[in-house]
């Protein structure tokens, strides 16, 4: 007689592979053949998980079409089934899967769109400012700089924010004119209300924030900014891009 874990593994294998033979022997028919019961359960599982990915990646779905997205999502699910019952964190590696999906090579920016969508999705669930400790808190020339706890930085190989927004708004005119050429872009993403805000950063400002987020002090962060942008002025970049941003809280020390 199988133990509970072996029973669960046998059922899970049938749901993922569609091969119902061994699992069907473990299920009472009760008016419905065991094979049919498993197929119904499999179809339900796939539908629920495809829907979960659709909710996390609406722009990707809009860019490739609902039917094709379902096909790609189904492949991802079968290769990367959930490891936990809670689905809010499911699908974080979807961008890696679509990067290797041969039929999507004509849209090389798509994995970065997915990375941006996932970052926005995860950031929107983080604590608001004031509900958790600041991500970083440093003194910069007599001014206290605190970063909101939800802040993250993201570097992409394409400038995907306009593509992402146009896809969500079903704006075909903008999509036809956006720059889809490779272009390294740095973003700051943080929670704003019930969603997330996005700001484009220069390389110096991005390096400054990354150093602070990693636990560095103000001096090491300024040095990181200067190293990242050898021809730029790190103080000017920080003043223009970080100090007035919605993710930075400034108070005199």
C-alpha atoms as a PDB file:
ATOM      1  CA  UNK A   1       0.000   0.000   0.000  1.00  0.00           C
ATOM      2  CA  UNK A   2       1.342   3.425  -0.933  1.00  0.00           C
ATOM      3  CA  UNK A   3       2.062   6.036   1.691  1.00  0.00           C
ATOM      4  CA  UNK A   4       0.554   9.515   1.382  1.00  0.00           C
ATOM      5  CA  UNK A   5       3.682  11.060  -0.172  1.00  0.00           C
ATOM      6  CA  UNK A   6       3.987   8.354  -2.823  1.00  0.00           C
ATOM      7  CA  UNK A   7       0.272   8.630  -3.550  1.00  0.00           C
ATOM      8  CA  UNK A   8       0.590  12.399  -4.026  1.00  0.00           C
ATOM      9  CA  UNK A   9       3.626  11.999  -6.281  1.00  0.00           C
ATOM     10  CA  UNK A  10       1.813   9.482  -8.447  1.00  0.00           C
ATOM     11  CA  UNK A  11      -1.199  11.788  -8.870  1.00  0.00           C
ATOM     12  CA  UNK A  12       1.059  14.789  -9.526  1.00  0.00           C
ATOM     13  CA  UNK A  13       2.960  12.878 -12.224  1.00  0.00           C
ATOM     14  CA  UNK A  14      -0.316  12.013 -13.941  1.00  0.00           C
ATOM     15  CA  UNK A  15      -1.459  15.643 -13.859  1.00  0.00           C
ATOM     16  CA  UNK A  16       1.809  16.919 -15.319  1.00  0.00           C
ATOM     17  CA  UNK A  17       2.425  14.253 -17.949  1.00  0.00           C
ATOM     18  CA  UNK A  18      -1.120  13.305 -18.874  1.00  0.00           C
ATOM     19  CA  UNK A  19      -0.156   9.639 -18.454  1.00  0.00           C
ATOM     20  CA  UNK A  20      -2.991   8.476 -16.211  1.00  0.00           C
ATOM     21  CA  UNK A  21      -2.330   4.728 -16.120  1.00  0.00           C
ATOM     22  CA  UNK A  22      -0.641   4.175 -12.714  1.00  0.00           C
ATOM     23  CA  UNK A  23      -2.615   6.943 -10.978  1.00  0.00           C
ATOM     24  CA  UNK A  24      -5.953   5.691 -12.308  1.00  0.00           C
ATOM     25  CA  UNK A  25      -5.457   2.487 -10.326  1.00  0.00           C
ATOM     26  CA  UNK A  26      -5.522   4.551  -7.122  1.00  0.00           C
ATOM     27  CA  UNK A  27      -8.853   6.268  -7.806  1.00  0.00           C
ATOM     28  CA  UNK A  28     -12.344   4.845  -7.309  1.00  0.00           C
ATOM     29  CA  UNK A  29     -14.578   5.316 -10.359  1.00  0.00           C
ATOM     30  CA  UNK A  30     -17.797   6.200  -8.491  1.00  0.00           C
ATOM     31  CA  UNK A  31     -19.666   6.626 -11.750  1.00  0.00           C
ATOM     32  CA  UNK A  32     -16.872   8.499 -13.557  1.00  0.00           C
ATOM     33  CA  UNK A  33     -13.913   6.514 -14.927  1.00  0.00           C
ATOM     34  CA  UNK A  34     -10.644   7.276 -13.071  1.00  0.00           C
ATOM     35  CA  UNK A  35      -8.923   8.349 -16.315  1.00  0.00           C
ATOM     36  CA  UNK A  36     -11.653  10.911 -16.936  1.00  0.00           C
ATOM     37  CA  UNK A  37     -11.439  12.182 -13.364  1.00  0.00           C
ATOM     38  CA  UNK A  38      -7.720  12.767 -13.767  1.00  0.00           C
ATOM     39  CA  UNK A  39      -8.152  14.514 -17.120  1.00  0.00           C
ATOM     40  CA  UNK A  40     -10.774  16.849 -15.631  1.00  0.00           C
ATOM     41  CA  UNK A  41      -8.476  17.607 -12.720  1.00  0.00           C
ATOM     42  CA  UNK A  42      -5.543  18.182 -15.111  1.00  0.00           C
ATOM     43  CA  UNK A  43      -7.518  20.581 -17.277  1.00  0.00           C
ATOM     44  CA  UNK A  44      -8.660  22.488 -14.195  1.00  0.00           C
ATOM     45  CA  UNK A  45      -5.103  22.716 -12.893  1.00  0.00           C
ATOM     46  CA  UNK A  46      -3.768  24.033 -16.198  1.00  0.00           C
ATOM     47  CA  UNK A  47      -6.588  26.565 -16.527  1.00  0.00           C
ATOM     48  CA  UNK A  48      -6.009  27.923 -13.018  1.00  0.00           C
ATOM     49  CA  UNK A  49      -2.246  28.214 -13.499  1.00  0.00           C
ATOM     50  CA  UNK A  50      -2.528  29.788 -16.954  1.00  0.00           C
ATOM     51  CA  UNK A  51      -4.898  32.337 -15.456  1.00  0.00           C
ATOM     52  CA  UNK A  52      -2.433  33.040 -12.633  1.00  0.00           C
ATOM     53  CA  UNK A  53       0.325  33.746 -15.168  1.00  0.00           C
ATOM     54  CA  UNK A  54      -2.042  35.886 -17.225  1.00  0.00           C
ATOM     55  CA  UNK A  55      -2.762  38.038 -14.176  1.00  0.00           C
ATOM     56  CA  UNK A  56       0.962  38.487 -13.500  1.00  0.00           C
ATOM     57  CA  UNK A  57       1.929  39.106 -17.139  1.00  0.00           C
ATOM     58  CA  UNK A  58      -0.934  41.004 -18.827  1.00  0.00           C
ATOM     59  CA  UNK A  59       1.380  43.016 -21.100  1.00  0.00           C
ATOM     60  CA  UNK A  60       3.189  39.904 -22.321  1.00  0.00           C
ATOM     61  CA  UNK A  61      -0.194  38.319 -23.011  1.00  0.00           C
ATOM     62  CA  UNK A  62      -1.299  41.418 -24.929  1.00  0.00           C
ATOM     63  CA  UNK A  63       1.888  41.414 -26.998  1.00  0.00           C
ATOM     64  CA  UNK A  64       1.689  37.768 -28.073  1.00  0.00           C
ATOM     65  CA  UNK A  65      -2.093  37.228 -28.062  1.00  0.00           C
ATOM     66  CA  UNK A  66      -4.317  35.347 -25.642  1.00  0.00           C
ATOM     67  CA  UNK A  67      -4.213  31.975 -27.402  1.00  0.00           C
ATOM     68  CA  UNK A  68      -0.465  31.935 -27.958  1.00  0.00           C
ATOM     69  CA  UNK A  69       0.146  33.132 -24.397  1.00  0.00           C
ATOM     70  CA  UNK A  70      -1.894  30.171 -23.140  1.00  0.00           C
ATOM     71  CA  UNK A  71       0.275  27.841 -25.245  1.00  0.00           C
ATOM     72  CA  UNK A  72       3.503  29.328 -23.875  1.00  0.00           C
ATOM     73  CA  UNK A  73       2.158  29.391 -20.316  1.00  0.00           C
ATOM     74  CA  UNK A  74       1.122  25.748 -20.570  1.00  0.00           C
ATOM     75  CA  UNK A  75       4.655  24.795 -21.570  1.00  0.00           C
ATOM     76  CA  UNK A  76       6.079  26.769 -18.661  1.00  0.00           C
ATOM     77  CA  UNK A  77       3.684  25.130 -16.206  1.00  0.00           C
ATOM     78  CA  UNK A  78       4.581  21.624 -17.303  1.00  0.00           C
ATOM     79  CA  UNK A  79       8.303  22.415 -17.064  1.00  0.00           C
ATOM     80  CA  UNK A  80       8.042  24.484 -13.870  1.00  0.00           C
ATOM     81  CA  UNK A  81       5.061  23.337 -11.787  1.00  0.00           C
ATOM     82  CA  UNK A  82       4.289  25.281  -8.594  1.00  0.00           C
ATOM     83  CA  UNK A  83       6.289  24.307  -5.542  1.00  0.00           C
ATOM     84  CA  UNK A  84       3.799  25.794  -3.075  1.00  0.00           C
ATOM     85  CA  UNK A  85       0.028  26.089  -2.774  1.00  0.00           C
ATOM     86  CA  UNK A  86       0.159  29.908  -2.701  1.00  0.00           C
ATOM     87  CA  UNK A  87       0.167  31.102  -6.309  1.00  0.00           C
ATOM     88  CA  UNK A  88       0.912  34.798  -5.715  1.00  0.00           C
ATOM     89  CA  UNK A  89       4.623  34.071  -6.001  1.00  0.00           C
ATOM     90  CA  UNK A  90       4.350  31.685  -8.932  1.00  0.00           C
ATOM     91  CA  UNK A  91       5.958  32.514 -12.267  1.00  0.00           C
ATOM     92  CA  UNK A  92       9.041  34.514 -11.349  1.00  0.00           C
ATOM     93  CA  UNK A  93      11.190  32.626 -13.865  1.00  0.00           C
ATOM     94  CA  UNK A  94       8.720  33.017 -16.738  1.00  0.00           C
ATOM     95  CA  UNK A  95      11.053  35.517 -18.443  1.00  0.00           C
ATOM     96  CA  UNK A  96      13.772  32.858 -18.659  1.00  0.00           C
ATOM     97  CA  UNK A  97      11.368  30.406 -20.248  1.00  0.00           C
ATOM     98  CA  UNK A  98      10.174  32.818 -22.930  1.00  0.00           C
ATOM     99  CA  UNK A  99      13.766  33.906 -23.628  1.00  0.00           C
ATOM    100  CA  UNK A 100      14.391  30.339 -24.818  1.00  0.00           C
ATOM    101  CA  UNK A 101      11.057  29.909 -26.616  1.00  0.00           C
ATOM    102  CA  UNK A 102      11.962  29.640 -30.281  1.00  0.00           C
ATOM    103  CA  UNK A 103       8.725  31.139 -31.615  1.00  0.00           C
ATOM    104  CA  UNK A 104       9.297  34.342 -29.634  1.00  0.00           C
ATOM    105  CA  UNK A 105      12.762  35.147 -30.969  1.00  0.00           C
ATOM    106  CA  UNK A 106      11.233  37.830 -33.158  1.00  0.00           C
ATOM    107  CA  UNK A 107      10.407  39.774 -29.992  1.00  0.00           C
ATOM    108  CA  UNK A 108      13.767  39.793 -28.176  1.00  0.00           C
ATOM    109  CA  UNK A 109      12.594  42.512 -25.779  1.00  0.00           C
ATOM    110  CA  UNK A 110       9.759  40.308 -24.472  1.00  0.00           C
ATOM    111  CA  UNK A 111      11.740  38.694 -21.605  1.00  0.00           C
ATOM    112  CA  UNK A 112      12.574  42.183 -20.302  1.00  0.00           C
ATOM    113  CA  UNK A 113       8.911  43.160 -20.510  1.00  0.00           C
ATOM    114  CA  UNK A 114       8.195  40.093 -18.379  1.00  0.00           C
ATOM    115  CA  UNK A 115      10.947  41.024 -15.910  1.00  0.00           C
ATOM    116  CA  UNK A 116       9.482  44.513 -15.565  1.00  0.00           C
ATOM    117  CA  UNK A 117       5.971  43.129 -15.074  1.00  0.00           C
ATOM    118  CA  UNK A 118       7.163  40.733 -12.387  1.00  0.00           C
ATOM    119  CA  UNK A 119       9.067  43.512 -10.601  1.00  0.00           C
ATOM    120  CA  UNK A 120       5.959  45.711 -10.653  1.00  0.00           C
ATOM    121  CA  UNK A 121       3.812  42.816  -9.416  1.00  0.00           C
ATOM    122  CA  UNK A 122       6.131  42.004  -6.520  1.00  0.00           C
ATOM    123  CA  UNK A 123       6.773  45.639  -5.596  1.00  0.00           C
ATOM    124  CA  UNK A 124       3.062  46.421  -5.383  1.00  0.00           C
ATOM    125  CA  UNK A 125       2.804  43.816  -2.605  1.00  0.00           C
ATOM    126  CA  UNK A 126       5.605  45.266  -0.497  1.00  0.00           C
ATOM    127  CA  UNK A 127       4.987  47.493   2.532  1.00  0.00           C
ATOM    128  CA  UNK A 128       4.177  51.147   2.017  1.00  0.00           C
ATOM    129  CA  UNK A 129       6.473  53.827   3.386  1.00  0.00           C
ATOM    130  CA  UNK A 130       5.980  54.078   7.125  1.00  0.00           C
ATOM    131  CA  UNK A 131       4.792  50.488   7.500  1.00  0.00           C
ATOM    132  CA  UNK A 132       8.289  48.995   7.536  1.00  0.00           C
ATOM    133  CA  UNK A 133      11.845  50.170   8.210  1.00  0.00           C
ATOM    134  CA  UNK A 134      13.506  52.233   5.495  1.00  0.00           C
ATOM    135  CA  UNK A 135      15.477  50.236   2.944  1.00  0.00           C
ATOM    136  CA  UNK A 136      18.465  52.515   3.552  1.00  0.00           C
ATOM    137  CA  UNK A 137      19.026  55.531   5.796  1.00  0.00           C
ATOM    138  CA  UNK A 138      22.168  57.642   5.316  1.00  0.00           C
ATOM    139  CA  UNK A 139      23.458  61.151   5.901  1.00  0.00           C
ATOM    140  CA  UNK A 140      24.416  63.048   2.777  1.00  0.00           C
ATOM    141  CA  UNK A 141      25.949  66.436   3.491  1.00  0.00           C
ATOM    142  CA  UNK A 142      23.673  67.278   6.380  1.00  0.00           C
ATOM    143  CA  UNK A 143      20.576  65.772   4.807  1.00  0.00           C
ATOM    144  CA  UNK A 144      19.104  62.454   5.888  1.00  0.00           C
ATOM    145  CA  UNK A 145      18.196  60.279   2.931  1.00  0.00           C
ATOM    146  CA  UNK A 146      15.867  57.342   3.539  1.00  0.00           C
ATOM    147  CA  UNK A 147      14.688  54.976   0.822  1.00  0.00           C
ATOM    148  CA  UNK A 148      11.181  53.545   0.961  1.00  0.00           C
ATOM    149  CA  UNK A 149      11.138  49.854   1.966  1.00  0.00           C
ATOM    150  CA  UNK A 150       9.584  48.718  -1.314  1.00  0.00           C
ATOM    151  CA  UNK A 151      12.282  50.147  -3.605  1.00  0.00           C
ATOM    152  CA  UNK A 152      14.077  47.864  -6.051  1.00  0.00           C
ATOM    153  CA  UNK A 153      16.290  48.565  -9.055  1.00  0.00           C
ATOM    154  CA  UNK A 154      16.081  46.719 -12.352  1.00  0.00           C
ATOM    155  CA  UNK A 155      18.472  46.789 -15.315  1.00  0.00           C
ATOM    156  CA  UNK A 156      17.089  45.678 -18.684  1.00  0.00           C
ATOM    157  CA  UNK A 157      18.635  45.259 -22.113  1.00  0.00           C
ATOM    158  CA  UNK A 158      15.773  47.155 -23.751  1.00  0.00           C
ATOM    159  CA  UNK A 159      13.833  50.291 -22.852  1.00  0.00           C
ATOM    160  CA  UNK A 160      10.681  48.299 -22.138  1.00  0.00           C
ATOM    161  CA  UNK A 161       8.582  50.637 -20.006  1.00  0.00           C
ATOM    162  CA  UNK A 162       6.926  52.323 -23.040  1.00  0.00           C
ATOM    163  CA  UNK A 163       6.273  48.910 -24.599  1.00  0.00           C
ATOM    164  CA  UNK A 164       4.788  47.640 -21.333  1.00  0.00           C
ATOM    165  CA  UNK A 165       2.495  50.650 -20.909  1.00  0.00           C
ATOM    166  CA  UNK A 166       1.351  50.640 -24.524  1.00  0.00           C
ATOM    167  CA  UNK A 167       0.543  46.928 -24.345  1.00  0.00           C
ATOM    168  CA  UNK A 168      -1.518  47.406 -21.176  1.00  0.00           C
ATOM    169  CA  UNK A 169      -3.388  50.306 -22.762  1.00  0.00           C
ATOM    170  CA  UNK A 170      -3.864  48.463 -26.060  1.00  0.00           C
ATOM    171  CA  UNK A 171      -2.213  51.434 -27.752  1.00  0.00           C
ATOM    172  CA  UNK A 172      -1.312  50.096 -31.173  1.00  0.00           C
ATOM    173  CA  UNK A 173      -0.094  53.460 -32.479  1.00  0.00           C
ATOM    174  CA  UNK A 174       2.473  53.753 -29.692  1.00  0.00           C
ATOM    175  CA  UNK A 175       3.526  50.127 -30.038  1.00  0.00           C
ATOM    176  CA  UNK A 176       4.200  50.643 -33.741  1.00  0.00           C
ATOM    177  CA  UNK A 177       6.517  53.550 -33.018  1.00  0.00           C
ATOM    178  CA  UNK A 178       8.370  52.568 -29.817  1.00  0.00           C
ATOM    179  CA  UNK A 179      12.094  51.964 -29.962  1.00  0.00           C
ATOM    180  CA  UNK A 180      12.596  48.201 -29.734  1.00  0.00           C
ATOM    181  CA  UNK A 181      16.350  48.310 -30.377  1.00  0.00           C
ATOM    182  CA  UNK A 182      18.667  47.046 -27.616  1.00  0.00           C
ATOM    183  CA  UNK A 183      19.317  49.753 -25.045  1.00  0.00           C
ATOM    184  CA  UNK A 184      20.444  49.119 -21.498  1.00  0.00           C
ATOM    185  CA  UNK A 185      18.046  50.904 -19.166  1.00  0.00           C
ATOM    186  CA  UNK A 186      17.983  51.202 -15.389  1.00  0.00           C
ATOM    187  CA  UNK A 187      14.728  51.532 -13.477  1.00  0.00           C
ATOM    188  CA  UNK A 188      13.733  52.360  -9.933  1.00  0.00           C
ATOM    189  CA  UNK A 189      10.472  50.664  -8.961  1.00  0.00           C
ATOM    190  CA  UNK A 190       8.603  51.239  -5.706  1.00  0.00           C
ATOM    191  CA  UNK A 191       5.146  50.895  -4.234  1.00  0.00           C
ATOM    192  CA  UNK A 192       2.798  53.818  -4.808  1.00  0.00           C
ATOM    193  CA  UNK A 193      -0.725  53.439  -3.455  1.00  0.00           C
ATOM    194  CA  UNK A 194      -2.100  50.085  -4.519  1.00  0.00           C
ATOM    195  CA  UNK A 195       0.337  49.764  -7.419  1.00  0.00           C
ATOM    196  CA  UNK A 196       3.915  50.568  -8.325  1.00  0.00           C
ATOM    197  CA  UNK A 197       5.717  53.620  -9.699  1.00  0.00           C
ATOM    198  CA  UNK A 198       8.620  53.481 -12.145  1.00  0.00           C
ATOM    199  CA  UNK A 199      11.420  55.954 -12.794  1.00  0.00           C
ATOM    200  CA  UNK A 200      14.277  55.714 -15.295  1.00  0.00           C
ATOM    201  CA  UNK A 201      17.747  56.107 -13.777  1.00  0.00           C
ATOM    202  CA  UNK A 202      21.127  56.984 -15.207  1.00  0.00           C
ATOM    203  CA  UNK A 203      23.934  54.497 -14.645  1.00  0.00           C
ATOM    204  CA  UNK A 204      25.420  56.587 -11.854  1.00  0.00           C
ATOM    205  CA  UNK A 205      22.183  56.922  -9.925  1.00  0.00           C
ATOM    206  CA  UNK A 206      21.454  53.218 -10.379  1.00  0.00           C
ATOM    207  CA  UNK A 207      24.882  52.295  -8.993  1.00  0.00           C
ATOM    208  CA  UNK A 208      24.362  54.696  -6.078  1.00  0.00           C
ATOM    209  CA  UNK A 209      21.057  53.062  -5.144  1.00  0.00           C
ATOM    210  CA  UNK A 210      22.343  49.527  -5.609  1.00  0.00           C
ATOM    211  CA  UNK A 211      25.203  50.232  -3.229  1.00  0.00           C
ATOM    212  CA  UNK A 212      22.851  51.655  -0.603  1.00  0.00           C
ATOM    213  CA  UNK A 213      20.435  48.756  -0.974  1.00  0.00           C
ATOM    214  CA  UNK A 214      23.357  46.349  -0.527  1.00  0.00           C
ATOM    215  CA  UNK A 215      24.163  48.011   2.804  1.00  0.00           C
ATOM    216  CA  UNK A 216      26.805  50.543   1.780  1.00  0.00           C
ATOM    217  CA  UNK A 217      27.160  53.972   3.328  1.00  0.00           C
ATOM    218  CA  UNK A 218      26.849  57.335   1.586  1.00  0.00           C
ATOM    219  CA  UNK A 219      30.551  57.554   0.700  1.00  0.00           C
ATOM    220  CA  UNK A 220      30.730  54.084  -0.853  1.00  0.00           C
ATOM    221  CA  UNK A 221      27.498  54.784  -2.751  1.00  0.00           C
ATOM    222  CA  UNK A 222      28.867  58.020  -4.220  1.00  0.00           C
ATOM    223  CA  UNK A 223      32.070  56.203  -5.169  1.00  0.00           C
ATOM    224  CA  UNK A 224      30.026  53.463  -6.855  1.00  0.00           C
ATOM    225  CA  UNK A 225      28.165  56.111  -8.851  1.00  0.00           C
ATOM    226  CA  UNK A 226      31.409  57.755  -9.921  1.00  0.00           C
ATOM    227  CA  UNK A 227      32.898  54.423 -10.988  1.00  0.00           C
ATOM    228  CA  UNK A 228      29.809  53.452 -12.976  1.00  0.00           C
ATOM    229  CA  UNK A 229      29.709  56.741 -14.888  1.00  0.00           C
ATOM    230  CA  UNK A 230      33.309  57.863 -15.338  1.00  0.00           C
ATOM    231  CA  UNK A 231      32.400  60.819 -17.512  1.00  0.00           C
ATOM    232  CA  UNK A 232      29.496  62.025 -15.387  1.00  0.00           C
ATOM    233  CA  UNK A 233      28.986  64.020 -12.228  1.00  0.00           C
ATOM    234  CA  UNK A 234      27.629  61.624  -9.576  1.00  0.00           C
ATOM    235  CA  UNK A 235      26.507  64.406  -7.244  1.00  0.00           C
ATOM    236  CA  UNK A 236      24.581  66.141 -10.037  1.00  0.00           C
ATOM    237  CA  UNK A 237      22.957  62.848 -11.058  1.00  0.00           C
ATOM    238  CA  UNK A 238      21.954  62.033  -7.501  1.00  0.00           C
ATOM    239  CA  UNK A 239      20.588  65.542  -7.008  1.00  0.00           C
ATOM    240  CA  UNK A 240      18.548  65.432 -10.208  1.00  0.00           C
ATOM    241  CA  UNK A 241      17.314  61.826 -10.186  1.00  0.00           C
ATOM    242  CA  UNK A 242      17.219  60.573  -6.603  1.00  0.00           C
ATOM    243  CA  UNK A 243      16.695  63.388  -4.126  1.00  0.00           C
ATOM    244  CA  UNK A 244      13.395  64.604  -5.646  1.00  0.00           C
ATOM    245  CA  UNK A 245      12.099  61.114  -6.434  1.00  0.00           C
ATOM    246  CA  UNK A 246       9.056  59.578  -4.797  1.00  0.00           C
ATOM    247  CA  UNK A 247      11.117  56.739  -3.358  1.00  0.00           C
ATOM    248  CA  UNK A 248      13.454  59.065  -1.421  1.00  0.00           C
ATOM    249  CA  UNK A 249      12.537  60.762   1.827  1.00  0.00           C
ATOM    250  CA  UNK A 250      14.617  63.777   2.789  1.00  0.00           C
ATOM    251  CA  UNK A 251      14.864  65.420   6.182  1.00  0.00           C
ATOM    252  CA  UNK A 252      17.526  67.751   7.664  1.00  0.00           C
ATOM    253  CA  UNK A 253      19.905  66.166  10.157  1.00  0.00           C
END
